[in-house]
N, C-alpha and C. Protein backbone atom coordinates (compact mmCIF):
# COMPACT_ATOMS: atom_id res chain seq x y z
N UNK A 1 -92.63 -22.00 -87.15
CA UNK A 1 -92.20 -20.71 -86.43
C UNK A 1 -91.43 -19.96 -87.56
N UNK A 2 -91.95 -18.60 -87.61
CA UNK A 2 -91.09 -17.62 -88.45
C UNK A 2 -90.04 -17.02 -87.64
N UNK A 3 -88.74 -17.04 -88.39
CA UNK A 3 -87.72 -16.38 -87.83
C UNK A 3 -87.57 -14.85 -88.13
N UNK A 4 -87.41 -14.25 -87.09
CA UNK A 4 -87.32 -12.67 -87.09
C UNK A 4 -86.07 -12.25 -87.57
N UNK A 5 -86.03 -11.23 -88.39
CA UNK A 5 -84.62 -10.77 -88.94
C UNK A 5 -83.90 -10.26 -87.78
N UNK A 6 -82.65 -10.26 -87.79
CA UNK A 6 -81.88 -9.77 -86.85
C UNK A 6 -81.52 -8.25 -86.98
N UNK A 7 -81.52 -7.55 -86.13
CA UNK A 7 -81.19 -6.02 -86.20
C UNK A 7 -79.83 -5.67 -86.27
N UNK A 8 -79.26 -4.82 -86.90
CA UNK A 8 -77.88 -4.52 -86.96
C UNK A 8 -77.82 -3.00 -86.48
N UNK A 9 -76.71 -2.85 -85.53
CA UNK A 9 -76.40 -1.58 -84.93
C UNK A 9 -74.95 -1.11 -85.34
N UNK A 10 -74.85 0.09 -85.60
CA UNK A 10 -73.64 0.45 -86.07
C UNK A 10 -73.00 1.49 -84.89
N UNK A 11 -71.77 1.33 -84.42
CA UNK A 11 -71.23 2.23 -83.47
C UNK A 11 -69.96 2.80 -84.19
N UNK A 12 -69.83 4.01 -84.11
CA UNK A 12 -68.66 4.71 -84.81
C UNK A 12 -67.43 4.54 -83.60
N UNK A 13 -66.45 4.09 -84.13
CA UNK A 13 -65.18 3.91 -83.31
C UNK A 13 -63.95 4.65 -84.00
N UNK A 14 -63.98 6.08 -83.86
CA UNK A 14 -62.98 6.86 -84.69
C UNK A 14 -61.49 6.42 -84.22
N UNK A 15 -60.74 6.31 -85.28
CA UNK A 15 -59.22 6.07 -84.83
C UNK A 15 -58.59 7.16 -84.26
N UNK A 16 -59.05 8.56 -84.38
CA UNK A 16 -58.41 9.51 -83.47
C UNK A 16 -58.63 9.20 -81.98
N UNK A 17 -59.85 8.51 -81.61
CA UNK A 17 -60.11 8.19 -80.27
C UNK A 17 -59.55 7.05 -79.58
N UNK A 18 -59.09 6.04 -80.67
CA UNK A 18 -58.40 4.86 -80.51
C UNK A 18 -57.24 4.53 -81.23
N UNK A 19 -56.24 5.50 -81.27
CA UNK A 19 -55.19 5.23 -82.02
C UNK A 19 -54.49 3.89 -82.04
N UNK A 20 -54.44 3.21 -81.02
CA UNK A 20 -53.78 1.92 -80.91
C UNK A 20 -54.63 0.89 -80.89
N UNK A 21 -55.96 1.15 -81.42
CA UNK A 21 -56.88 0.05 -81.63
C UNK A 21 -57.83 0.16 -80.42
N UNK A 22 -58.99 -0.72 -80.52
CA UNK A 22 -59.81 -0.66 -79.53
C UNK A 22 -60.34 -2.30 -79.16
N UNK A 23 -61.04 -2.46 -78.02
CA UNK A 23 -61.39 -3.83 -77.65
C UNK A 23 -62.87 -3.65 -77.26
N UNK A 24 -63.75 -4.39 -78.04
CA UNK A 24 -65.30 -4.36 -77.85
C UNK A 24 -65.72 -5.65 -77.23
N UNK A 25 -66.66 -5.41 -76.27
CA UNK A 25 -67.18 -6.59 -75.50
C UNK A 25 -68.65 -6.34 -75.60
N UNK A 26 -69.36 -7.33 -76.07
CA UNK A 26 -70.81 -7.46 -76.19
C UNK A 26 -71.52 -8.46 -75.47
N UNK A 27 -72.75 -8.27 -75.11
CA UNK A 27 -73.71 -9.42 -74.79
C UNK A 27 -74.98 -8.93 -75.42
N UNK A 28 -75.74 -10.02 -75.91
CA UNK A 28 -76.90 -10.01 -76.56
C UNK A 28 -76.78 -9.69 -78.12
N UNK A 29 -75.44 -9.58 -78.51
CA UNK A 29 -75.22 -9.30 -79.80
C UNK A 29 -73.81 -10.07 -80.26
N UNK A 30 -73.64 -10.02 -81.59
CA UNK A 30 -72.42 -10.44 -82.06
C UNK A 30 -71.74 -9.46 -82.98
N UNK A 31 -70.48 -9.34 -82.88
CA UNK A 31 -69.72 -8.29 -83.59
C UNK A 31 -69.63 -9.05 -84.97
N UNK A 32 -69.96 -8.22 -86.04
CA UNK A 32 -69.92 -8.77 -87.43
C UNK A 32 -69.06 -7.98 -88.30
N UNK A 33 -68.55 -6.81 -87.75
CA UNK A 33 -67.69 -6.05 -88.61
C UNK A 33 -66.24 -6.64 -88.63
N UNK A 34 -65.35 -6.09 -89.49
CA UNK A 34 -63.99 -6.56 -89.46
C UNK A 34 -63.19 -6.06 -88.27
N UNK A 35 -62.13 -6.84 -87.85
CA UNK A 35 -61.26 -6.31 -86.79
C UNK A 35 -60.60 -5.00 -87.26
N UNK A 36 -60.56 -4.00 -86.08
CA UNK A 36 -59.97 -2.83 -86.46
C UNK A 36 -60.76 -1.87 -87.35
N UNK A 37 -62.00 -2.20 -87.56
CA UNK A 37 -62.96 -1.28 -88.37
C UNK A 37 -63.19 0.05 -87.61
N UNK A 38 -63.46 1.07 -88.21
CA UNK A 38 -63.77 2.23 -87.54
C UNK A 38 -65.16 2.35 -87.39
N UNK A 39 -66.00 1.32 -88.01
CA UNK A 39 -67.46 1.33 -87.66
C UNK A 39 -67.78 -0.14 -87.17
N UNK A 40 -68.21 -0.15 -85.92
CA UNK A 40 -68.45 -1.49 -85.20
C UNK A 40 -69.93 -1.69 -85.64
N UNK A 41 -70.05 -3.00 -86.20
CA UNK A 41 -71.36 -3.49 -86.59
C UNK A 41 -71.70 -4.64 -85.70
N UNK A 42 -72.87 -4.53 -85.03
CA UNK A 42 -73.42 -5.59 -83.99
C UNK A 42 -74.68 -6.15 -84.72
N UNK A 43 -74.79 -7.53 -84.67
CA UNK A 43 -76.07 -8.12 -84.98
C UNK A 43 -76.69 -8.76 -83.81
N UNK A 44 -77.84 -8.26 -83.49
CA UNK A 44 -78.55 -8.68 -82.22
C UNK A 44 -78.95 -10.12 -82.36
N UNK A 45 -79.10 -10.78 -81.08
CA UNK A 45 -79.56 -12.02 -80.97
C UNK A 45 -80.99 -11.91 -80.73
N UNK A 46 -81.87 -12.38 -81.53
CA UNK A 46 -83.30 -12.21 -81.46
C UNK A 46 -83.91 -12.59 -79.99
N UNK A 47 -83.19 -13.47 -79.34
CA UNK A 47 -83.68 -13.85 -78.06
C UNK A 47 -83.30 -12.88 -77.01
N UNK A 48 -82.39 -12.16 -77.28
CA UNK A 48 -81.83 -11.10 -76.25
C UNK A 48 -82.80 -10.11 -75.81
N UNK A 49 -82.79 -9.89 -74.50
CA UNK A 49 -83.84 -8.91 -73.88
C UNK A 49 -83.19 -7.46 -74.15
N UNK A 50 -81.88 -7.49 -74.05
CA UNK A 50 -81.05 -6.16 -74.30
C UNK A 50 -79.82 -6.39 -74.98
N UNK A 51 -79.13 -5.48 -75.30
CA UNK A 51 -77.65 -5.51 -75.89
C UNK A 51 -76.94 -4.49 -75.22
N UNK A 52 -75.78 -4.89 -74.86
CA UNK A 52 -74.79 -4.02 -74.10
C UNK A 52 -73.39 -4.19 -74.95
N UNK A 53 -72.73 -3.06 -75.14
CA UNK A 53 -71.57 -3.07 -75.83
C UNK A 53 -70.62 -2.11 -74.94
N UNK A 54 -69.49 -2.58 -74.81
CA UNK A 54 -68.39 -1.75 -73.99
C UNK A 54 -67.21 -1.60 -75.03
N UNK A 55 -66.81 -0.39 -75.27
CA UNK A 55 -65.54 -0.20 -76.13
C UNK A 55 -64.60 0.45 -75.25
N UNK A 56 -63.31 -0.20 -75.27
CA UNK A 56 -62.26 0.63 -74.48
C UNK A 56 -61.07 0.35 -75.46
N UNK A 57 -59.92 1.30 -74.84
CA UNK A 57 -58.72 1.22 -75.75
C UNK A 57 -57.96 0.06 -75.51
């Protein structure tokens, strides 16, 4: 069985919008960016039918 590459998704999380930091919650993906990064990078799970991400202060 050939393994498909995982897709990366980038979400901009500007510090001006989240001056005290943010909290990101995902399903169907794993956060692969560094904590407190202004660019949230998600790696999708190839078995996931959809990906959801919620970013809050």
